[in-house]
PDB file of all heavy atoms in Angstrom:
ATOM      1  N   SER A   1      64.545 110.983  36.286  1.00  0.00           N
ATOM      2  CA  SER A   1      63.273 111.534  35.835  1.00  0.00           C
ATOM      3  C   SER A   1      63.447 112.580  34.724  1.00  0.00           C
ATOM      4  O   SER A   1      63.155 113.770  34.912  1.00  0.00           O
ATOM      5  CB  SER A   1      62.428 112.060  37.013  1.00  0.00           C
ATOM      6  OG  SER A   1      63.113 113.039  37.763  1.00  0.00           O
ATOM      7  N   SER A   2      63.952 112.114  33.622  1.00  0.00           N
ATOM      8  CA  SER A   2      64.176 112.812  32.342  1.00  0.00           C
ATOM      9  C   SER A   2      65.058 114.102  32.408  1.00  0.00           C
ATOM     10  O   SER A   2      64.964 114.921  31.553  1.00  0.00           O
ATOM     11  CB  SER A   2      62.790 113.163  31.724  1.00  0.00           C
ATOM     12  OG  SER A   2      62.166 114.160  32.409  1.00  0.00           O
ATOM     13  N   HIS A   3      65.886 114.222  33.444  1.00  0.00           N
ATOM     14  CA  HIS A   3      66.951 115.263  33.418  1.00  0.00           C
ATOM     15  C   HIS A   3      68.121 114.844  34.282  1.00  0.00           C
ATOM     16  O   HIS A   3      67.997 113.978  35.170  1.00  0.00           O
ATOM     17  CB  HIS A   3      66.309 116.614  33.802  1.00  0.00           C
ATOM     18  CG  HIS A   3      66.040 116.751  35.256  1.00  0.00           C
ATOM     19  ND1 HIS A   3      64.885 116.194  35.828  1.00  0.00           N
ATOM     20  CD2 HIS A   3      66.729 117.352  36.253  1.00  0.00           C
ATOM     21  CE1 HIS A   3      64.873 116.464  37.114  1.00  0.00           C
ATOM     22  NE2 HIS A   3      65.938 117.176  37.420  1.00  0.00           N
ATOM     23  N   TYR A   4      69.218 115.541  34.055  1.00  0.00           N
ATOM     24  CA  TYR A   4      70.427 115.238  34.862  1.00  0.00           C
ATOM     25  C   TYR A   4      70.373 116.005  36.144  1.00  0.00           C
ATOM     26  O   TYR A   4      69.954 117.139  36.204  1.00  0.00           O
ATOM     27  CB  TYR A   4      71.712 115.662  34.048  1.00  0.00           C
ATOM     28  CG  TYR A   4      72.077 114.662  33.035  1.00  0.00           C
ATOM     29  CD1 TYR A   4      71.718 114.893  31.671  1.00  0.00           C
ATOM     30  CD2 TYR A   4      72.798 113.548  33.328  1.00  0.00           C
ATOM     31  CE1 TYR A   4      72.091 113.930  30.717  1.00  0.00           C
ATOM     32  CE2 TYR A   4      73.159 112.608  32.367  1.00  0.00           C
ATOM     33  CZ  TYR A   4      72.820 112.823  31.070  1.00  0.00           C
ATOM     34  OH  TYR A   4      73.174 111.942  30.094  1.00  0.00           O
ATOM     35  N   ASP A   5      70.781 115.362  37.235  1.00  0.00           N
ATOM     36  CA  ASP A   5      70.805 116.007  38.530  1.00  0.00           C
ATOM     37  C   ASP A   5      71.921 115.468  39.366  1.00  0.00           C
ATOM     38  O   ASP A   5      72.416 114.333  39.122  1.00  0.00           O
ATOM     39  CB  ASP A   5      69.450 115.769  39.253  1.00  0.00           C
ATOM     40  CG  ASP A   5      69.187 116.875  40.271  1.00  0.00           C
ATOM     41  OD1 ASP A   5      70.060 117.819  40.426  1.00  0.00           O
ATOM     42  OD2 ASP A   5      68.166 116.779  41.005  1.00  0.00           O
ATOM     43  N   CYS A   6      72.337 116.223  40.339  1.00  0.00           N
ATOM     44  CA  CYS A   6      73.350 115.758  41.290  1.00  0.00           C
ATOM     45  C   CYS A   6      72.647 114.970  42.418  1.00  0.00           C
ATOM     46  O   CYS A   6      71.864 115.475  43.146  1.00  0.00           O
ATOM     47  CB  CYS A   6      74.127 116.915  41.878  1.00  0.00           C
ATOM     48  SG  CYS A   6      75.138 117.774  40.642  1.00  0.00           S
ATOM     49  N   VAL A   7      73.013 113.745  42.501  1.00  0.00           N
ATOM     50  CA  VAL A   7      72.362 112.770  43.401  1.00  0.00           C
ATOM     51  C   VAL A   7      73.428 112.336  44.428  1.00  0.00           C
ATOM     52  O   VAL A   7      74.563 112.108  44.129  1.00  0.00           O
ATOM     53  CB  VAL A   7      71.800 111.572  42.641  1.00  0.00           C
ATOM     54  CG1 VAL A   7      71.153 110.553  43.593  1.00  0.00           C
ATOM     55  CG2 VAL A   7      70.792 112.020  41.584  1.00  0.00           C
ATOM     56  N   ASP A   8      72.957 112.234  45.689  1.00  0.00           N
ATOM     57  CA  ASP A   8      73.822 111.838  46.791  1.00  0.00           C
ATOM     58  C   ASP A   8      74.455 110.463  46.462  1.00  0.00           C
ATOM     59  O   ASP A   8      73.776 109.534  46.047  1.00  0.00           O
ATOM     60  CB  ASP A   8      73.009 111.715  48.102  1.00  0.00           C
ATOM     61  CG  ASP A   8      73.837 111.150  49.190  1.00  0.00           C
ATOM     62  OD1 ASP A   8      74.897 111.679  49.505  1.00  0.00           O
ATOM     63  OD2 ASP A   8      73.387 110.101  49.797  1.00  0.00           O
ATOM     64  N   VAL A   9      75.758 110.277  46.721  1.00  0.00           N
ATOM     65  CA  VAL A   9      76.425 109.042  46.586  1.00  0.00           C
ATOM     66  C   VAL A   9      76.299 108.333  47.926  1.00  0.00           C
ATOM     67  O   VAL A   9      76.641 108.887  48.972  1.00  0.00           O
ATOM     68  CB  VAL A   9      77.965 109.273  46.258  1.00  0.00           C
ATOM     69  CG1 VAL A   9      78.730 107.947  46.316  1.00  0.00           C
ATOM     70  CG2 VAL A   9      78.149 109.959  44.950  1.00  0.00           C
ATOM     71  N   ASN A  10      75.809 107.074  47.909  1.00  0.00           N
ATOM     72  CA  ASN A  10      75.688 106.272  49.138  1.00  0.00           C
ATOM     73  C   ASN A  10      77.009 105.574  49.321  1.00  0.00           C
ATOM     74  O   ASN A  10      77.236 104.457  48.785  1.00  0.00           O
ATOM     75  CB  ASN A  10      74.533 105.312  49.010  1.00  0.00           C
ATOM     76  CG  ASN A  10      74.308 104.621  50.309  1.00  0.00           C
ATOM     77  OD1 ASN A  10      75.148 104.486  51.150  1.00  0.00           O
ATOM     78  ND2 ASN A  10      73.023 104.155  50.501  1.00  0.00           N
ATOM     79  N   GLU A  11      77.879 106.221  50.101  1.00  0.00           N
ATOM     80  CA  GLU A  11      79.227 105.664  50.331  1.00  0.00           C
ATOM     81  C   GLU A  11      79.216 104.305  51.003  1.00  0.00           C
ATOM     82  O   GLU A  11      80.138 103.466  50.837  1.00  0.00           O
ATOM     83  CB  GLU A  11      80.116 106.603  51.153  1.00  0.00           C
ATOM     84  CG  GLU A  11      80.443 107.923  50.513  1.00  0.00           C
ATOM     85  CD  GLU A  11      79.346 109.001  50.588  1.00  0.00           C
ATOM     86  OE1 GLU A  11      78.257 108.725  51.196  1.00  0.00           O
ATOM     87  OE2 GLU A  11      79.618 110.081  50.062  1.00  0.00           O
ATOM     88  N   CYS A  12      78.141 104.017  51.741  1.00  0.00           N
ATOM     89  CA  CYS A  12      78.008 102.725  52.441  1.00  0.00           C
ATOM     90  C   CYS A  12      77.763 101.547  51.478  1.00  0.00           C
ATOM     91  O   CYS A  12      78.265 100.444  51.618  1.00  0.00           O
ATOM     92  CB  CYS A  12      76.851 102.769  53.437  1.00  0.00           C
ATOM     93  SG  CYS A  12      77.065 104.144  54.651  1.00  0.00           S
ATOM     94  N   VAL A  13      77.059 101.862  50.404  1.00  0.00           N
ATOM     95  CA  VAL A  13      76.734 100.865  49.345  1.00  0.00           C
ATOM     96  C   VAL A  13      77.872 100.714  48.420  1.00  0.00           C
ATOM     97  O   VAL A  13      78.309  99.630  48.026  1.00  0.00           O
ATOM     98  CB  VAL A  13      75.405 101.189  48.626  1.00  0.00           C
ATOM     99  CG1 VAL A  13      75.188 100.292  47.431  1.00  0.00           C
ATOM    100  CG2 VAL A  13      74.224 101.221  49.554  1.00  0.00           C
ATOM    101  N   THR A  14      78.495 101.866  47.984  1.00  0.00           N
ATOM    102  CA  THR A  14      79.579 101.848  47.023  1.00  0.00           C
ATOM    103  C   THR A  14      80.916 101.387  47.686  1.00  0.00           C
ATOM    104  O   THR A  14      81.899 101.239  47.003  1.00  0.00           O
ATOM    105  CB  THR A  14      79.795 103.221  46.339  1.00  0.00           C
ATOM    106  OG1 THR A  14      80.051 104.158  47.351  1.00  0.00           O
ATOM    107  CG2 THR A  14      78.562 103.579  45.544  1.00  0.00           C
ATOM    108  N   ASN A  15      80.871 101.270  48.990  1.00  0.00           N
ATOM    109  CA  ASN A  15      82.053 100.833  49.769  1.00  0.00           C
ATOM    110  C   ASN A  15      83.243 101.804  49.641  1.00  0.00           C
ATOM    111  O   ASN A  15      84.369 101.402  49.606  1.00  0.00           O
ATOM    112  CB  ASN A  15      82.481  99.401  49.357  1.00  0.00           C
ATOM    113  CG  ASN A  15      82.820  98.576  50.582  1.00  0.00           C
ATOM    114  OD1 ASN A  15      82.607  98.975  51.704  1.00  0.00           O
ATOM    115  ND2 ASN A  15      83.334  97.363  50.303  1.00  0.00           N
ATOM    116  N   THR A  16      82.874 103.130  49.492  1.00  0.00           N
ATOM    117  CA  THR A  16      83.917 104.142  49.404  1.00  0.00           C
ATOM    118  C   THR A  16      84.083 104.851  50.745  1.00  0.00           C
ATOM    119  O   THR A  16      84.743 105.845  50.860  1.00  0.00           O
ATOM    120  CB  THR A  16      83.572 105.163  48.300  1.00  0.00           C
ATOM    121  OG1 THR A  16      82.276 105.650  48.518  1.00  0.00           O
ATOM    122  CG2 THR A  16      83.716 104.578  46.920  1.00  0.00           C
ATOM    123  N   HIS A  17      83.495 104.247  51.819  1.00  0.00           N
ATOM    124  CA  HIS A  17      83.661 104.851  53.119  1.00  0.00           C
ATOM    125  C   HIS A  17      84.961 104.339  53.782  1.00  0.00           C
ATOM    126  O   HIS A  17      85.593 103.459  53.274  1.00  0.00           O
ATOM    127  CB  HIS A  17      82.448 104.489  54.040  1.00  0.00           C
ATOM    128  CG  HIS A  17      82.399 102.949  54.216  1.00  0.00           C
ATOM    129  ND1 HIS A  17      83.100 102.313  55.219  1.00  0.00           N
ATOM    130  CD2 HIS A  17      81.655 102.053  53.588  1.00  0.00           C
ATOM    131  CE1 HIS A  17      82.823 101.026  55.155  1.00  0.00           C
ATOM    132  NE2 HIS A  17      81.910 100.818  54.181  1.00  0.00           N
ATOM    133  N   ARG A  18      85.373 105.001  54.867  1.00  0.00           N
ATOM    134  CA  ARG A  18      86.572 104.624  55.529  1.00  0.00           C
ATOM    135  C   ARG A  18      86.248 104.195  57.013  1.00  0.00           C
ATOM    136  O   ARG A  18      87.031 104.415  57.916  1.00  0.00           O
ATOM    137  CB  ARG A  18      87.561 105.793  55.553  1.00  0.00           C
ATOM    138  CG  ARG A  18      88.024 106.245  54.167  1.00  0.00           C
ATOM    139  CD  ARG A  18      88.942 107.471  54.199  1.00  0.00           C
ATOM    140  NE  ARG A  18      88.460 108.594  54.975  1.00  0.00           N
ATOM    141  CZ  ARG A  18      87.559 109.456  54.658  1.00  0.00           C
ATOM    142  NH1 ARG A  18      86.949 109.349  53.468  1.00  0.00           N
ATOM    143  NH2 ARG A  18      87.184 110.431  55.455  1.00  0.00           N
ATOM    144  N   CYS A  19      85.088 103.602  57.179  1.00  0.00           N
ATOM    145  CA  CYS A  19      84.661 103.208  58.527  1.00  0.00           C
ATOM    146  C   CYS A  19      85.497 101.964  59.004  1.00  0.00           C
ATOM    147  O   CYS A  19      85.930 101.139  58.175  1.00  0.00           O
ATOM    148  CB  CYS A  19      83.207 102.826  58.559  1.00  0.00           C
ATOM    149  SG  CYS A  19      82.103 104.225  58.234  1.00  0.00           S
ATOM    150  N   ASN A  20      85.718 101.884  60.274  1.00  0.00           N
ATOM    151  CA  ASN A  20      86.417 100.829  60.887  1.00  0.00           C
ATOM    152  C   ASN A  20      85.657  99.471  60.667  1.00  0.00           C
ATOM    153  O   ASN A  20      84.437  99.474  60.475  1.00  0.00           O
ATOM    154  CB  ASN A  20      86.570 101.066  62.369  1.00  0.00           C
ATOM    155  CG  ASN A  20      87.513 100.090  63.056  1.00  0.00           C
ATOM    156  OD1 ASN A  20      87.077  98.974  63.415  1.00  0.00           O
ATOM    157  ND2 ASN A  20      88.698 100.474  63.263  1.00  0.00           N
ATOM    158  N   LEU A  21      86.388  98.390  60.679  1.00  0.00           N
ATOM    159  CA  LEU A  21      85.834  97.059  60.490  1.00  0.00           C
ATOM    160  C   LEU A  21      84.726  96.756  61.510  1.00  0.00           C
ATOM    161  O   LEU A  21      83.766  96.066  61.260  1.00  0.00           O
ATOM    162  CB  LEU A  21      87.017  96.024  60.613  1.00  0.00           C
ATOM    163  CG  LEU A  21      86.724  94.572  60.251  1.00  0.00           C
ATOM    164  CD1 LEU A  21      86.410  94.540  58.708  1.00  0.00           C
ATOM    165  CD2 LEU A  21      87.876  93.707  60.551  1.00  0.00           C
ATOM    166  N   HIS A  22      84.912  97.385  62.691  1.00  0.00           N
ATOM    167  CA  HIS A  22      83.908  97.151  63.794  1.00  0.00           C
ATOM    168  C   HIS A  22      82.958  98.359  63.950  1.00  0.00           C
ATOM    169  O   HIS A  22      82.583  98.706  65.030  1.00  0.00           O
ATOM    170  CB  HIS A  22      84.663  96.895  65.125  1.00  0.00           C
ATOM    171  CG  HIS A  22      85.579  95.752  65.068  1.00  0.00           C
ATOM    172  ND1 HIS A  22      85.191  94.464  64.902  1.00  0.00           N
ATOM    173  CD2 HIS A  22      86.958  95.744  65.050  1.00  0.00           C
ATOM    174  CE1 HIS A  22      86.244  93.652  64.844  1.00  0.00           C
ATOM    175  NE2 HIS A  22      87.357  94.381  64.915  1.00  0.00           N
ATOM    176  N   ALA A  23      82.677  98.957  62.798  1.00  0.00           N
ATOM    177  CA  ALA A  23      81.790 100.125  62.818  1.00  0.00           C
ATOM    178  C   ALA A  23      80.691  99.986  61.736  1.00  0.00           C
ATOM    179  O   ALA A  23      80.850  99.274  60.794  1.00  0.00           O
ATOM    180  CB  ALA A  23      82.557 101.411  62.632  1.00  0.00           C
ATOM    181  N   GLU A  24      79.584 100.646  61.974  1.00  0.00           N
ATOM    182  CA  GLU A  24      78.489 100.696  60.973  1.00  0.00           C
ATOM    183  C   GLU A  24      78.647 101.970  60.162  1.00  0.00           C
ATOM    184  O   GLU A  24      78.958 103.025  60.678  1.00  0.00           O
ATOM    185  CB  GLU A  24      77.136 100.743  61.687  1.00  0.00           C
ATOM    186  CG  GLU A  24      76.601  99.377  62.077  1.00  0.00           C
ATOM    187  CD  GLU A  24      75.234  99.607  62.805  1.00  0.00           C
ATOM    188  OE1 GLU A  24      74.243  99.936  62.092  1.00  0.00           O
ATOM    189  OE2 GLU A  24      75.226  99.424  64.031  1.00  0.00           O
ATOM    190  N   CYS A  25      78.365 101.865  58.841  1.00  0.00           N
ATOM    191  CA  CYS A  25      78.351 103.065  57.940  1.00  0.00           C
ATOM    192  C   CYS A  25      76.953 103.576  57.859  1.00  0.00           C
ATOM    193  O   CYS A  25      76.015 102.826  57.647  1.00  0.00           O
ATOM    194  CB  CYS A  25      78.878 102.637  56.570  1.00  0.00           C
ATOM    195  SG  CYS A  25      78.792 103.987  55.368  1.00  0.00           S
ATOM    196  N   LEU A  26      76.774 104.928  58.074  1.00  0.00           N
ATOM    197  CA  LEU A  26      75.479 105.540  57.949  1.00  0.00           C
ATOM    198  C   LEU A  26      75.575 106.619  56.890  1.00  0.00           C
ATOM    199  O   LEU A  26      76.390 107.507  56.970  1.00  0.00           O
ATOM    200  CB  LEU A  26      75.059 106.186  59.300  1.00  0.00           C
ATOM    201  CG  LEU A  26      75.051 105.267  60.509  1.00  0.00           C
ATOM    202  CD1 LEU A  26      75.078 106.102  61.807  1.00  0.00           C
ATOM    203  CD2 LEU A  26      73.864 104.364  60.471  1.00  0.00           C
ATOM    204  N   ASN A  27      74.764 106.454  55.831  1.00  0.00           N
ATOM    205  CA  ASN A  27      74.818 107.419  54.728  1.00  0.00           C
ATOM    206  C   ASN A  27      74.102 108.735  55.106  1.00  0.00           C
ATOM    207  O   ASN A  27      73.106 108.761  55.848  1.00  0.00           O
ATOM    208  CB  ASN A  27      74.091 106.842  53.481  1.00  0.00           C
ATOM    209  CG  ASN A  27      74.256 107.738  52.266  1.00  0.00           C
ATOM    210  OD1 ASN A  27      75.403 108.194  51.959  1.00  0.00           O
ATOM    211  ND2 ASN A  27      73.193 108.084  51.650  1.00  0.00           N
ATOM    212  N   THR A  28      74.749 109.857  54.751  1.00  0.00           N
ATOM    213  CA  THR A  28      74.150 111.187  54.941  1.00  0.00           C
ATOM    214  C   THR A  28      74.128 111.930  53.596  1.00  0.00           C
ATOM    215  O   THR A  28      74.760 111.508  52.667  1.00  0.00           O
ATOM    216  CB  THR A  28      74.943 112.037  55.951  1.00  0.00           C
ATOM    217  OG1 THR A  28      76.249 112.238  55.441  1.00  0.00           O
ATOM    218  CG2 THR A  28      75.041 111.338  57.341  1.00  0.00           C
ATOM    219  N   GLU A  29      73.413 113.052  53.539  1.00  0.00           N
ATOM    220  CA  GLU A  29      73.394 113.846  52.289  1.00  0.00           C
ATOM    221  C   GLU A  29      74.784 114.349  51.995  1.00  0.00           C
ATOM    222  O   GLU A  29      75.353 115.139  52.760  1.00  0.00           O
ATOM    223  CB  GLU A  29      72.417 114.989  52.398  1.00  0.00           C
ATOM    224  CG  GLU A  29      70.986 114.703  52.013  1.00  0.00           C
ATOM    225  CD  GLU A  29      70.832 114.369  50.521  1.00  0.00           C
ATOM    226  OE1 GLU A  29      71.269 115.223  49.676  1.00  0.00           O
ATOM    227  OE2 GLU A  29      70.259 113.311  50.192  1.00  0.00           O
ATOM    228  N   GLY A  30      75.358 113.821  50.916  1.00  0.00           N
ATOM    229  CA  GLY A  30      76.681 114.349  50.494  1.00  0.00           C
ATOM    230  C   GLY A  30      77.817 113.684  51.236  1.00  0.00           C
ATOM    231  O   GLY A  30      79.003 114.008  50.941  1.00  0.00           O
ATOM    232  N   SER A  31      77.553 112.879  52.237  1.00  0.00           N
ATOM    233  CA  SER A  31      78.660 112.325  53.005  1.00  0.00           C
ATOM    234  C   SER A  31      78.257 110.998  53.664  1.00  0.00           C
ATOM    235  O   SER A  31      77.322 110.311  53.206  1.00  0.00           O
ATOM    236  CB  SER A  31      79.156 113.318  54.046  1.00  0.00           C
ATOM    237  OG  SER A  31      80.343 112.877  54.651  1.00  0.00           O
ATOM    238  N   PHE A  32      78.874 110.643  54.773  1.00  0.00           N
ATOM    239  CA  PHE A  32      78.549 109.421  55.548  1.00  0.00           C
ATOM    240  C   PHE A  32      79.045 109.601  56.981  1.00  0.00           C
ATOM    241  O   PHE A  32      79.886 110.492  57.261  1.00  0.00           O
ATOM    242  CB  PHE A  32      79.154 108.194  54.874  1.00  0.00           C
ATOM    243  CG  PHE A  32      80.662 108.174  54.858  1.00  0.00           C
ATOM    244  CD1 PHE A  32      81.379 107.562  55.846  1.00  0.00           C
ATOM    245  CD2 PHE A  32      81.356 108.857  53.880  1.00  0.00           C
ATOM    246  CE1 PHE A  32      82.768 107.603  55.888  1.00  0.00           C
ATOM    247  CE2 PHE A  32      82.751 108.877  53.841  1.00  0.00           C
ATOM    248  CZ  PHE A  32      83.468 108.247  54.819  1.00  0.00           C
ATOM    249  N   LYS A  33      78.565 108.790  57.860  1.00  0.00           N
ATOM    250  CA  LYS A  33      79.023 108.755  59.261  1.00  0.00           C
ATOM    251  C   LYS A  33      79.410 107.313  59.592  1.00  0.00           C
ATOM    252  O   LYS A  33      78.842 106.387  59.023  1.00  0.00           O
ATOM    253  CB  LYS A  33      77.951 109.291  60.160  1.00  0.00           C
ATOM    254  CG  LYS A  33      77.775 110.782  60.173  1.00  0.00           C
ATOM    255  CD  LYS A  33      76.690 111.203  61.132  1.00  0.00           C
ATOM    256  CE  LYS A  33      76.524 112.732  61.062  1.00  0.00           C
ATOM    257  NZ  LYS A  33      75.304 113.154  61.735  1.00  0.00           N
ATOM    258  N   CYS A  34      80.272 107.176  60.560  1.00  0.00           N
ATOM    259  CA  CYS A  34      80.666 105.856  61.036  1.00  0.00           C
ATOM    260  C   CYS A  34      80.345 105.803  62.537  1.00  0.00           C
ATOM    261  O   CYS A  34      80.654 106.697  63.291  1.00  0.00           O
ATOM    262  CB  CYS A  34      82.171 105.643  60.860  1.00  0.00           C
ATOM    263  SG  CYS A  34      82.634 105.761  59.098  1.00  0.00           S
ATOM    264  N   LYS A  35      79.681 104.713  62.945  1.00  0.00           N
ATOM    265  CA  LYS A  35      79.316 104.512  64.351  1.00  0.00           C
ATOM    266  C   LYS A  35      79.818 103.129  64.791  1.00  0.00           C
ATOM    267  O   LYS A  35      79.529 102.140  64.147  1.00  0.00           O
ATOM    268  CB  LYS A  35      77.792 104.629  64.532  1.00  0.00           C
ATOM    269  CG  LYS A  35      77.280 104.619  65.932  1.00  0.00           C
ATOM    270  CD  LYS A  35      75.817 104.694  65.972  1.00  0.00           C
ATOM    271  CE  LYS A  35      75.343 104.545  67.433  1.00  0.00           C
ATOM    272  NZ  LYS A  35      73.915 104.202  67.577  1.00  0.00           N
ATOM    273  N   CYS A  36      80.602 103.137  65.889  1.00  0.00           N
ATOM    274  CA  CYS A  36      81.159 101.878  66.343  1.00  0.00           C
ATOM    275  C   CYS A  36      79.979 100.933  66.737  1.00  0.00           C
ATOM    276  O   CYS A  36      78.975 101.338  67.288  1.00  0.00           O
ATOM    277  CB  CYS A  36      82.034 102.058  67.546  1.00  0.00           C
ATOM    278  SG  CYS A  36      83.593 102.929  67.115  1.00  0.00           S
ATOM    279  N   LYS A  37      80.143  99.653  66.423  1.00  0.00           N
ATOM    280  CA  LYS A  37      79.130  98.642  66.719  1.00  0.00           C
ATOM    281  C   LYS A  37      79.078  98.399  68.244  1.00  0.00           C
ATOM    282  O   LYS A  37      79.953  98.798  68.952  1.00  0.00           O
ATOM    283  CB  LYS A  37      79.488  97.329  66.032  1.00  0.00           C
ATOM    284  CG  LYS A  37      79.319  97.396  64.525  1.00  0.00           C
ATOM    285  CD  LYS A  37      79.733  96.060  63.871  1.00  0.00           C
ATOM    286  CE  LYS A  37      79.580  96.110  62.374  1.00  0.00           C
ATOM    287  NZ  LYS A  37      80.170  95.005  61.653  1.00  0.00           N
ATOM    288  N   GLN A  38      77.972  97.792  68.644  1.00  0.00           N
ATOM    289  CA  GLN A  38      77.746  97.506  70.075  1.00  0.00           C
ATOM    290  C   GLN A  38      78.906  96.758  70.677  1.00  0.00           C
ATOM    291  O   GLN A  38      79.428  95.792  69.997  1.00  0.00           O
ATOM    292  CB  GLN A  38      76.441  96.738  70.301  1.00  0.00           C
ATOM    293  CG  GLN A  38      75.737  97.195  71.530  1.00  0.00           C
ATOM    294  CD  GLN A  38      74.240  96.663  71.574  1.00  0.00           C
ATOM    295  OE1 GLN A  38      73.776  96.206  70.562  1.00  0.00           O
ATOM    296  NE2 GLN A  38      73.638  96.798  72.713  1.00  0.00           N
ATOM    297  N   GLY A  39      79.448  97.182  71.794  1.00  0.00           N
ATOM    298  CA  GLY A  39      80.553  96.516  72.440  1.00  0.00           C
ATOM    299  C   GLY A  39      81.878  97.161  72.071  1.00  0.00           C
ATOM    300  O   GLY A  39      82.926  96.782  72.576  1.00  0.00           O
ATOM    301  N   TYR A  40      81.813  98.179  71.134  1.00  0.00           N
ATOM    302  CA  TYR A  40      83.026  98.853  70.764  1.00  0.00           C
ATOM    303  C   TYR A  40      82.812 100.345  70.978  1.00  0.00           C
ATOM    304  O   TYR A  40      81.717 100.822  71.014  1.00  0.00           O
ATOM    305  CB  TYR A  40      83.321  98.650  69.256  1.00  0.00           C
ATOM    306  CG  TYR A  40      83.768  97.210  68.944  1.00  0.00           C
ATOM    307  CD1 TYR A  40      82.788  96.257  68.628  1.00  0.00           C
ATOM    308  CD2 TYR A  40      85.096  96.885  68.905  1.00  0.00           C
ATOM    309  CE1 TYR A  40      83.206  94.973  68.341  1.00  0.00           C
ATOM    310  CE2 TYR A  40      85.482  95.604  68.589  1.00  0.00           C
ATOM    311  CZ  TYR A  40      84.550  94.621  68.295  1.00  0.00           C
ATOM    312  OH  TYR A  40      84.911  93.395  67.983  1.00  0.00           O
ATOM    313  N   GLN A  41      83.952 101.022  71.205  1.00  0.00           N
ATOM    314  CA  GLN A  41      83.791 102.504  71.296  1.00  0.00           C
ATOM    315  C   GLN A  41      84.941 103.175  70.530  1.00  0.00           C
ATOM    316  O   GLN A  41      85.979 102.576  70.331  1.00  0.00           O
ATOM    317  CB  GLN A  41      83.745 102.937  72.763  1.00  0.00           C
ATOM    318  CG  GLN A  41      85.001 102.640  73.578  1.00  0.00           C
ATOM    319  CD  GLN A  41      84.901 103.098  75.018  1.00  0.00           C
ATOM    320  OE1 GLN A  41      83.788 103.078  75.592  1.00  0.00           O
ATOM    321  NE2 GLN A  41      85.955 103.476  75.591  1.00  0.00           N
ATOM    322  N   GLY A  42      84.681 104.435  70.162  1.00  0.00           N
ATOM    323  CA  GLY A  42      85.672 105.224  69.360  1.00  0.00           C
ATOM    324  C   GLY A  42      84.991 106.167  68.456  1.00  0.00           C
ATOM    325  O   GLY A  42      83.790 106.425  68.558  1.00  0.00           O
ATOM    326  N   THR A  43      85.741 106.623  67.445  1.00  0.00           N
ATOM    327  CA  THR A  43      85.219 107.644  66.492  1.00  0.00           C
ATOM    328  C   THR A  43      84.373 107.045  65.431  1.00  0.00           C
ATOM    329  O   THR A  43      83.633 107.782  64.715  1.00  0.00           O
ATOM    330  CB  THR A  43      86.385 108.418  65.866  1.00  0.00           C
ATOM    331  OG1 THR A  43      87.192 107.440  65.098  1.00  0.00           O
ATOM    332  CG2 THR A  43      87.244 109.135  66.835  1.00  0.00           C
ATOM    333  N   GLY A  44      84.550 105.738  65.211  1.00  0.00           N
ATOM    334  CA  GLY A  44      83.868 105.139  64.072  1.00  0.00           C
ATOM    335  C   GLY A  44      84.893 104.793  63.006  1.00  0.00           C
ATOM    336  O   GLY A  44      84.732 103.859  62.197  1.00  0.00           O
TER     337      GLY A  44
END
């Protein structure tokens, strides 16, 4: 919108997250979270 600004990077879309193959990536402001999919448990 006609000026430069710092915008959150969606690591889930850019595939720059480090989530496990059996985890879901959840974007957060300035970062991301990993949550194990149903039937799995762990840190993400």
